[in-house]
């Protein structure tokens, strides 16, 4: 894969918006730092319920959703998103420690566009986010 360079960071210049949903504070901060360094505008949610509410409240170009979370897991959040006409088209990347075929299939059946297995590499996260959102590196 080619190296992805950061693009413009001003939220008013068309930078892509990403919603990161993960119950782990450390993971949210990691995703935020990687994506912001690549020029994305990042919003966080600590569980599926909060993530779903934030997804409905404002538009995002991409959602990154952990599978194993309290209150509402990633599968349930994805099914709720895909059932809502206002946000169903928002691309979603699921991230999990589970790497089995049945887990991947379950995520795609719930509405995931891409599945990543933890630990996620910085470069891989950036490249997938740019690819899915159409972000144009400088």
N, C-alpha and C. Protein backbone atom coordinates (compact mmCIF):
# COMPACT_ATOMS: atom_id res chain seq x y z
N UNK A 1 0.83 -1.19 0.00
CA UNK A 1 0.00 0.00 0.00
C UNK A 1 0.87 1.25 0.00
N UNK A 2 0.34 2.27 -0.60
CA UNK A 2 1.10 3.51 -0.65
C UNK A 2 0.95 4.29 0.66
N UNK A 3 1.87 5.18 0.89
CA UNK A 3 1.84 6.01 2.09
C UNK A 3 0.77 7.08 1.94
N UNK A 4 -0.04 7.25 2.98
CA UNK A 4 -1.10 8.25 2.95
C UNK A 4 -0.61 9.49 3.70
N UNK A 5 -0.62 10.61 3.03
CA UNK A 5 -0.20 11.87 3.64
C UNK A 5 -1.40 12.60 4.21
N UNK A 6 -1.21 13.40 5.25
CA UNK A 6 -2.31 14.19 5.81
C UNK A 6 -2.87 15.16 4.78
N UNK A 7 -4.16 15.44 4.94
CA UNK A 7 -4.78 16.45 4.09
C UNK A 7 -5.27 17.58 4.98
N UNK A 8 -5.91 18.58 4.40
CA UNK A 8 -6.31 19.78 5.14
C UNK A 8 -7.10 19.45 6.40
N UNK A 9 -6.84 20.20 7.48
CA UNK A 9 -7.44 19.91 8.78
C UNK A 9 -8.53 20.87 9.22
N UNK A 10 -8.78 21.90 8.47
CA UNK A 10 -9.80 22.87 8.85
C UNK A 10 -11.18 22.26 8.67
N UNK A 11 -12.01 22.16 9.75
CA UNK A 11 -13.33 21.55 9.63
C UNK A 11 -14.23 22.24 8.61
N UNK A 12 -13.93 23.45 8.26
CA UNK A 12 -14.75 24.17 7.30
C UNK A 12 -14.28 24.01 5.87
N UNK A 13 -13.22 23.26 5.65
CA UNK A 13 -12.68 23.13 4.30
C UNK A 13 -13.05 21.81 3.64
N UNK A 14 -13.99 21.10 4.18
CA UNK A 14 -14.41 19.85 3.58
C UNK A 14 -13.74 18.62 4.17
N UNK A 15 -13.04 18.77 5.28
CA UNK A 15 -12.43 17.61 5.93
C UNK A 15 -13.52 16.59 6.27
N UNK A 16 -13.17 15.35 6.18
CA UNK A 16 -14.12 14.26 6.44
C UNK A 16 -14.31 14.07 7.94
N UNK A 17 -15.56 13.79 8.31
CA UNK A 17 -15.94 13.62 9.71
C UNK A 17 -16.09 12.14 10.04
N UNK A 18 -15.47 11.73 11.16
CA UNK A 18 -15.50 10.33 11.58
C UNK A 18 -16.05 10.23 12.99
N UNK A 19 -16.97 9.29 13.19
CA UNK A 19 -17.48 8.97 14.52
C UNK A 19 -16.79 7.69 14.97
N UNK A 20 -16.08 7.77 16.11
CA UNK A 20 -15.40 6.61 16.69
C UNK A 20 -16.21 6.16 17.90
N UNK A 21 -16.65 4.89 17.87
CA UNK A 21 -17.48 4.34 18.94
C UNK A 21 -16.74 3.15 19.55
N UNK A 22 -16.28 3.32 20.78
CA UNK A 22 -15.54 2.27 21.47
C UNK A 22 -15.64 2.53 22.96
N UNK A 23 -15.87 1.49 23.76
CA UNK A 23 -15.99 1.67 25.20
C UNK A 23 -14.64 1.86 25.87
N UNK A 24 -13.56 1.59 25.18
CA UNK A 24 -12.23 1.75 25.75
C UNK A 24 -11.67 3.14 25.50
N UNK A 25 -11.43 3.87 26.57
CA UNK A 25 -10.89 5.23 26.46
C UNK A 25 -9.57 5.25 25.70
N UNK A 26 -8.69 4.32 26.01
CA UNK A 26 -7.39 4.26 25.35
C UNK A 26 -7.56 4.04 23.85
N UNK A 27 -8.47 3.16 23.46
CA UNK A 27 -8.69 2.89 22.04
C UNK A 27 -9.27 4.12 21.34
N UNK A 28 -10.23 4.78 21.97
CA UNK A 28 -10.80 6.00 21.36
C UNK A 28 -9.72 7.05 21.15
N UNK A 29 -8.86 7.24 22.15
CA UNK A 29 -7.80 8.22 22.02
C UNK A 29 -6.80 7.84 20.93
N UNK A 30 -6.52 6.55 20.80
CA UNK A 30 -5.63 6.08 19.73
C UNK A 30 -6.24 6.37 18.37
N UNK A 31 -7.50 5.96 18.17
CA UNK A 31 -8.17 6.20 16.88
C UNK A 31 -8.23 7.69 16.58
N UNK A 32 -8.57 8.48 17.61
CA UNK A 32 -8.66 9.94 17.42
C UNK A 32 -7.32 10.50 16.97
N UNK A 33 -6.24 10.14 17.66
CA UNK A 33 -4.94 10.71 17.33
C UNK A 33 -4.50 10.32 15.92
N UNK A 34 -4.73 9.08 15.54
CA UNK A 34 -4.36 8.62 14.20
C UNK A 34 -5.16 9.36 13.14
N UNK A 35 -6.46 9.43 13.33
CA UNK A 35 -7.33 10.04 12.32
C UNK A 35 -7.15 11.56 12.24
N UNK A 36 -7.00 12.20 13.39
CA UNK A 36 -6.78 13.65 13.36
C UNK A 36 -5.43 13.99 12.71
N UNK A 37 -4.43 13.16 12.94
CA UNK A 37 -3.13 13.38 12.30
C UNK A 37 -3.24 13.28 10.78
N UNK A 38 -4.22 12.51 10.31
CA UNK A 38 -4.45 12.37 8.87
C UNK A 38 -5.41 13.43 8.34
N UNK A 39 -5.90 14.30 9.22
CA UNK A 39 -6.75 15.40 8.78
C UNK A 39 -8.23 15.22 8.98
N UNK A 40 -8.65 14.13 9.59
CA UNK A 40 -10.08 13.91 9.83
C UNK A 40 -10.55 14.70 11.05
N UNK A 41 -11.82 15.05 11.05
CA UNK A 41 -12.47 15.65 12.21
C UNK A 41 -13.14 14.48 12.94
N UNK A 42 -12.83 14.29 14.22
CA UNK A 42 -13.26 13.09 14.95
C UNK A 42 -14.18 13.45 16.10
N UNK A 43 -15.25 12.68 16.23
CA UNK A 43 -16.18 12.75 17.35
C UNK A 43 -16.15 11.37 18.00
N UNK A 44 -16.31 11.31 19.32
CA UNK A 44 -16.24 10.04 20.04
C UNK A 44 -17.55 9.70 20.72
N UNK A 45 -17.76 8.38 20.91
CA UNK A 45 -18.87 7.87 21.71
C UNK A 45 -18.36 6.66 22.47
N UNK A 46 -18.82 6.50 23.72
CA UNK A 46 -18.30 5.46 24.60
C UNK A 46 -19.08 4.15 24.57
N UNK A 47 -20.20 4.12 23.85
CA UNK A 47 -20.97 2.88 23.72
C UNK A 47 -21.91 3.00 22.52
N UNK A 48 -22.58 1.92 22.18
CA UNK A 48 -23.44 1.90 21.01
C UNK A 48 -24.63 2.84 21.10
N UNK A 49 -25.20 2.99 22.27
CA UNK A 49 -26.35 3.90 22.44
C UNK A 49 -25.91 5.33 22.16
N UNK A 50 -24.82 5.74 22.78
CA UNK A 50 -24.30 7.09 22.56
C UNK A 50 -23.88 7.28 21.10
N UNK A 51 -23.29 6.25 20.52
CA UNK A 51 -22.88 6.33 19.12
C UNK A 51 -24.06 6.48 18.19
N UNK A 52 -25.09 5.72 18.43
CA UNK A 52 -26.30 5.80 17.60
C UNK A 52 -26.92 7.20 17.70
N UNK A 53 -27.01 7.73 18.91
CA UNK A 53 -27.58 9.07 19.10
C UNK A 53 -26.75 10.14 18.40
N UNK A 54 -25.42 10.02 18.48
CA UNK A 54 -24.56 11.00 17.80
C UNK A 54 -24.66 10.87 16.29
N UNK A 55 -24.79 9.65 15.80
CA UNK A 55 -24.92 9.43 14.35
C UNK A 55 -26.20 10.07 13.83
N UNK A 56 -27.26 10.04 14.61
CA UNK A 56 -28.52 10.65 14.20
C UNK A 56 -28.49 12.17 14.30
N UNK A 57 -27.68 12.69 15.22
CA UNK A 57 -27.66 14.13 15.50
C UNK A 57 -26.89 14.95 14.47
N UNK A 58 -25.91 14.34 13.81
CA UNK A 58 -25.10 15.08 12.84
C UNK A 58 -24.53 14.13 11.80
N UNK A 59 -24.25 14.62 10.62
CA UNK A 59 -23.74 13.72 9.57
C UNK A 59 -22.26 13.38 9.77
N UNK A 60 -21.94 12.14 9.43
CA UNK A 60 -20.55 11.67 9.45
C UNK A 60 -20.24 11.03 8.11
N UNK A 61 -18.97 11.07 7.74
CA UNK A 61 -18.53 10.42 6.51
C UNK A 61 -18.14 8.97 6.74
N UNK A 62 -17.90 8.63 8.01
CA UNK A 62 -17.48 7.28 8.37
C UNK A 62 -17.73 7.07 9.85
N UNK A 63 -18.13 5.84 10.18
CA UNK A 63 -18.24 5.42 11.58
C UNK A 63 -17.27 4.26 11.80
N UNK A 64 -16.51 4.33 12.88
CA UNK A 64 -15.64 3.24 13.28
C UNK A 64 -16.23 2.69 14.58
N UNK A 65 -16.65 1.43 14.54
CA UNK A 65 -17.47 0.89 15.63
C UNK A 65 -16.84 -0.38 16.20
N UNK A 66 -16.56 -0.36 17.49
CA UNK A 66 -16.10 -1.55 18.21
C UNK A 66 -17.29 -2.51 18.30
N UNK A 67 -17.03 -3.79 18.26
CA UNK A 67 -18.10 -4.78 18.35
C UNK A 67 -18.52 -5.03 19.79
N UNK A 68 -17.56 -5.27 20.68
CA UNK A 68 -17.88 -5.65 22.06
C UNK A 68 -17.94 -4.42 22.95
N UNK A 69 -19.18 -3.96 23.20
CA UNK A 69 -19.40 -2.79 24.06
C UNK A 69 -20.61 -3.03 24.95
N UNK A 70 -20.66 -2.35 26.10
CA UNK A 70 -21.84 -2.45 26.96
C UNK A 70 -22.99 -1.60 26.40
N UNK A 71 -24.16 -1.80 26.95
CA UNK A 71 -25.39 -1.07 26.62
C UNK A 71 -25.94 -1.46 25.24
N UNK A 72 -25.14 -1.30 24.20
CA UNK A 72 -25.52 -1.71 22.85
C UNK A 72 -24.24 -2.09 22.13
N UNK A 73 -24.14 -3.37 21.73
CA UNK A 73 -22.91 -3.78 21.06
C UNK A 73 -22.87 -3.23 19.63
N UNK A 74 -21.74 -3.43 18.97
CA UNK A 74 -21.56 -2.90 17.63
C UNK A 74 -22.53 -3.47 16.61
N UNK A 75 -22.86 -4.76 16.74
CA UNK A 75 -23.82 -5.38 15.83
C UNK A 75 -25.18 -4.69 15.94
N UNK A 76 -25.62 -4.50 17.17
CA UNK A 76 -26.93 -3.86 17.40
C UNK A 76 -26.94 -2.42 16.91
N UNK A 77 -25.84 -1.71 17.15
CA UNK A 77 -25.75 -0.33 16.67
C UNK A 77 -25.83 -0.29 15.15
N UNK A 78 -25.10 -1.18 14.50
CA UNK A 78 -25.13 -1.22 13.03
C UNK A 78 -26.53 -1.53 12.51
N UNK A 79 -27.21 -2.48 13.12
CA UNK A 79 -28.58 -2.81 12.67
C UNK A 79 -29.50 -1.61 12.84
N UNK A 80 -29.35 -0.87 13.95
CA UNK A 80 -30.18 0.33 14.17
C UNK A 80 -29.86 1.40 13.14
N UNK A 81 -28.59 1.60 12.84
CA UNK A 81 -28.17 2.58 11.83
C UNK A 81 -28.74 2.21 10.47
N UNK A 82 -28.60 0.95 10.09
CA UNK A 82 -29.05 0.51 8.77
C UNK A 82 -30.57 0.53 8.62
N UNK A 83 -31.29 0.54 9.74
CA UNK A 83 -32.75 0.59 9.71
C UNK A 83 -33.27 2.03 9.62
N UNK A 84 -32.39 3.01 9.81
CA UNK A 84 -32.80 4.42 9.82
C UNK A 84 -32.42 5.07 8.50
N UNK A 85 -33.42 5.51 7.74
CA UNK A 85 -33.18 6.09 6.40
C UNK A 85 -32.24 7.28 6.43
N UNK A 86 -32.24 8.04 7.52
CA UNK A 86 -31.42 9.26 7.59
C UNK A 86 -29.93 8.97 7.63
N UNK A 87 -29.53 7.82 8.15
CA UNK A 87 -28.11 7.53 8.34
C UNK A 87 -27.67 6.19 7.76
N UNK A 88 -28.56 5.46 7.14
CA UNK A 88 -28.23 4.09 6.71
C UNK A 88 -27.08 4.01 5.71
N UNK A 89 -26.86 5.06 4.95
CA UNK A 89 -25.81 5.02 3.93
C UNK A 89 -24.41 5.37 4.46
N UNK A 90 -24.32 5.77 5.72
CA UNK A 90 -23.02 6.13 6.28
C UNK A 90 -22.14 4.89 6.36
N UNK A 91 -20.97 4.91 5.74
CA UNK A 91 -20.08 3.74 5.80
C UNK A 91 -19.64 3.44 7.23
N UNK A 92 -19.48 2.15 7.51
CA UNK A 92 -19.09 1.72 8.86
C UNK A 92 -17.99 0.68 8.80
N UNK A 93 -16.94 0.90 9.59
CA UNK A 93 -15.86 -0.06 9.78
C UNK A 93 -16.04 -0.63 11.18
N UNK A 94 -16.10 -1.94 11.28
CA UNK A 94 -16.17 -2.57 12.59
C UNK A 94 -14.77 -3.03 12.99
N UNK A 95 -14.50 -2.95 14.28
CA UNK A 95 -13.21 -3.36 14.81
C UNK A 95 -13.46 -4.28 16.01
N UNK A 96 -12.75 -5.41 16.02
CA UNK A 96 -12.96 -6.38 17.09
C UNK A 96 -11.70 -7.20 17.32
N UNK A 97 -11.64 -7.82 18.48
CA UNK A 97 -10.57 -8.77 18.76
C UNK A 97 -10.90 -10.13 18.17
N UNK A 98 -12.15 -10.32 17.79
CA UNK A 98 -12.61 -11.59 17.22
C UNK A 98 -12.25 -11.65 15.74
N UNK A 99 -11.61 -12.74 15.34
CA UNK A 99 -11.14 -12.84 13.95
C UNK A 99 -11.75 -14.03 13.22
N UNK A 100 -12.72 -14.69 13.83
CA UNK A 100 -13.33 -15.86 13.20
C UNK A 100 -14.26 -15.49 12.05
N UNK A 101 -14.42 -16.41 11.13
CA UNK A 101 -15.30 -16.18 9.98
C UNK A 101 -16.71 -15.81 10.41
N UNK A 102 -17.25 -16.49 11.42
CA UNK A 102 -18.63 -16.21 11.84
C UNK A 102 -18.77 -14.79 12.38
N UNK A 103 -17.72 -14.26 13.02
CA UNK A 103 -17.75 -12.89 13.53
C UNK A 103 -17.76 -11.89 12.39
N UNK A 104 -16.93 -12.14 11.40
CA UNK A 104 -16.85 -11.25 10.24
C UNK A 104 -18.17 -11.27 9.48
N UNK A 105 -18.71 -12.46 9.26
CA UNK A 105 -19.99 -12.59 8.55
C UNK A 105 -21.10 -11.88 9.31
N UNK A 106 -21.13 -12.05 10.62
CA UNK A 106 -22.15 -11.40 11.45
C UNK A 106 -22.06 -9.88 11.32
N UNK A 107 -20.85 -9.33 11.28
CA UNK A 107 -20.66 -7.88 11.14
C UNK A 107 -21.17 -7.41 9.77
N UNK A 108 -20.85 -8.14 8.72
CA UNK A 108 -21.32 -7.74 7.39
C UNK A 108 -22.84 -7.88 7.28
N UNK A 109 -23.39 -8.90 7.89
CA UNK A 109 -24.85 -9.07 7.89
C UNK A 109 -25.53 -7.93 8.64
N UNK A 110 -24.87 -7.39 9.67
CA UNK A 110 -25.43 -6.27 10.44
C UNK A 110 -25.30 -4.95 9.69
N UNK A 111 -24.41 -4.90 8.68
CA UNK A 111 -24.29 -3.69 7.88
C UNK A 111 -22.91 -3.08 7.80
N UNK A 112 -21.88 -3.80 8.25
CA UNK A 112 -20.51 -3.27 8.16
C UNK A 112 -20.06 -3.21 6.71
N UNK A 113 -19.25 -2.21 6.41
CA UNK A 113 -18.63 -2.10 5.09
C UNK A 113 -17.23 -2.68 5.08
N UNK A 114 -16.62 -2.78 6.26
CA UNK A 114 -15.26 -3.29 6.38
C UNK A 114 -15.08 -3.82 7.79
N UNK A 115 -14.21 -4.81 7.96
CA UNK A 115 -13.97 -5.44 9.26
C UNK A 115 -12.47 -5.43 9.54
N UNK A 116 -12.09 -4.92 10.68
CA UNK A 116 -10.68 -4.90 11.08
C UNK A 116 -10.52 -5.64 12.40
N UNK A 117 -9.38 -6.31 12.55
CA UNK A 117 -9.10 -7.07 13.77
C UNK A 117 -8.06 -6.32 14.59
N UNK A 118 -8.34 -6.18 15.89
CA UNK A 118 -7.39 -5.56 16.81
C UNK A 118 -6.21 -6.49 17.03
N UNK A 119 -5.02 -5.99 17.18
CA UNK A 119 -4.66 -4.58 17.18
C UNK A 119 -4.62 -4.03 15.74
N UNK A 120 -5.07 -2.80 15.61
CA UNK A 120 -5.15 -2.14 14.31
C UNK A 120 -3.90 -1.29 14.12
N UNK A 121 -3.26 -1.43 12.99
CA UNK A 121 -2.06 -0.64 12.68
C UNK A 121 -2.46 0.77 12.26
N UNK A 122 -1.66 1.73 12.67
CA UNK A 122 -1.90 3.13 12.35
C UNK A 122 -2.07 3.35 10.86
N UNK A 123 -1.16 2.83 10.09
CA UNK A 123 -1.19 3.01 8.64
C UNK A 123 -2.44 2.39 8.02
N UNK A 124 -2.80 1.20 8.48
CA UNK A 124 -3.97 0.51 7.95
C UNK A 124 -5.25 1.31 8.25
N UNK A 125 -5.37 1.80 9.46
CA UNK A 125 -6.54 2.59 9.83
C UNK A 125 -6.66 3.85 8.96
N UNK A 126 -5.56 4.54 8.79
CA UNK A 126 -5.55 5.75 7.97
C UNK A 126 -5.91 5.45 6.52
N UNK A 127 -5.31 4.42 5.96
CA UNK A 127 -5.56 4.10 4.56
C UNK A 127 -6.99 3.65 4.32
N UNK A 128 -7.53 2.85 5.22
CA UNK A 128 -8.93 2.40 5.08
C UNK A 128 -9.87 3.59 5.21
N UNK A 129 -9.64 4.47 6.18
CA UNK A 129 -10.49 5.65 6.35
C UNK A 129 -10.45 6.54 5.11
N UNK A 130 -9.27 6.74 4.54
CA UNK A 130 -9.15 7.56 3.32
C UNK A 130 -9.83 6.89 2.14
N UNK A 131 -9.65 5.60 2.02
CA UNK A 131 -10.26 4.86 0.91
C UNK A 131 -11.78 4.93 0.98
N UNK A 132 -12.34 4.66 2.15
CA UNK A 132 -13.80 4.62 2.29
C UNK A 132 -14.42 5.99 2.14
N UNK A 133 -13.80 7.01 2.70
CA UNK A 133 -14.40 8.34 2.67
C UNK A 133 -14.08 9.12 1.40
N UNK A 134 -13.09 8.65 0.66
CA UNK A 134 -12.67 9.40 -0.52
C UNK A 134 -11.80 10.59 -0.17
N UNK A 135 -11.27 10.60 1.06
CA UNK A 135 -10.38 11.67 1.48
C UNK A 135 -9.19 11.71 0.53
N UNK A 136 -8.79 12.89 0.17
CA UNK A 136 -7.70 13.05 -0.80
C UNK A 136 -6.45 13.54 -0.11
N UNK A 137 -5.51 12.64 0.10
CA UNK A 137 -4.24 13.06 0.70
C UNK A 137 -3.55 14.11 -0.17
N UNK A 138 -2.81 14.98 0.47
CA UNK A 138 -2.06 16.00 -0.27
C UNK A 138 -0.87 15.39 -0.95
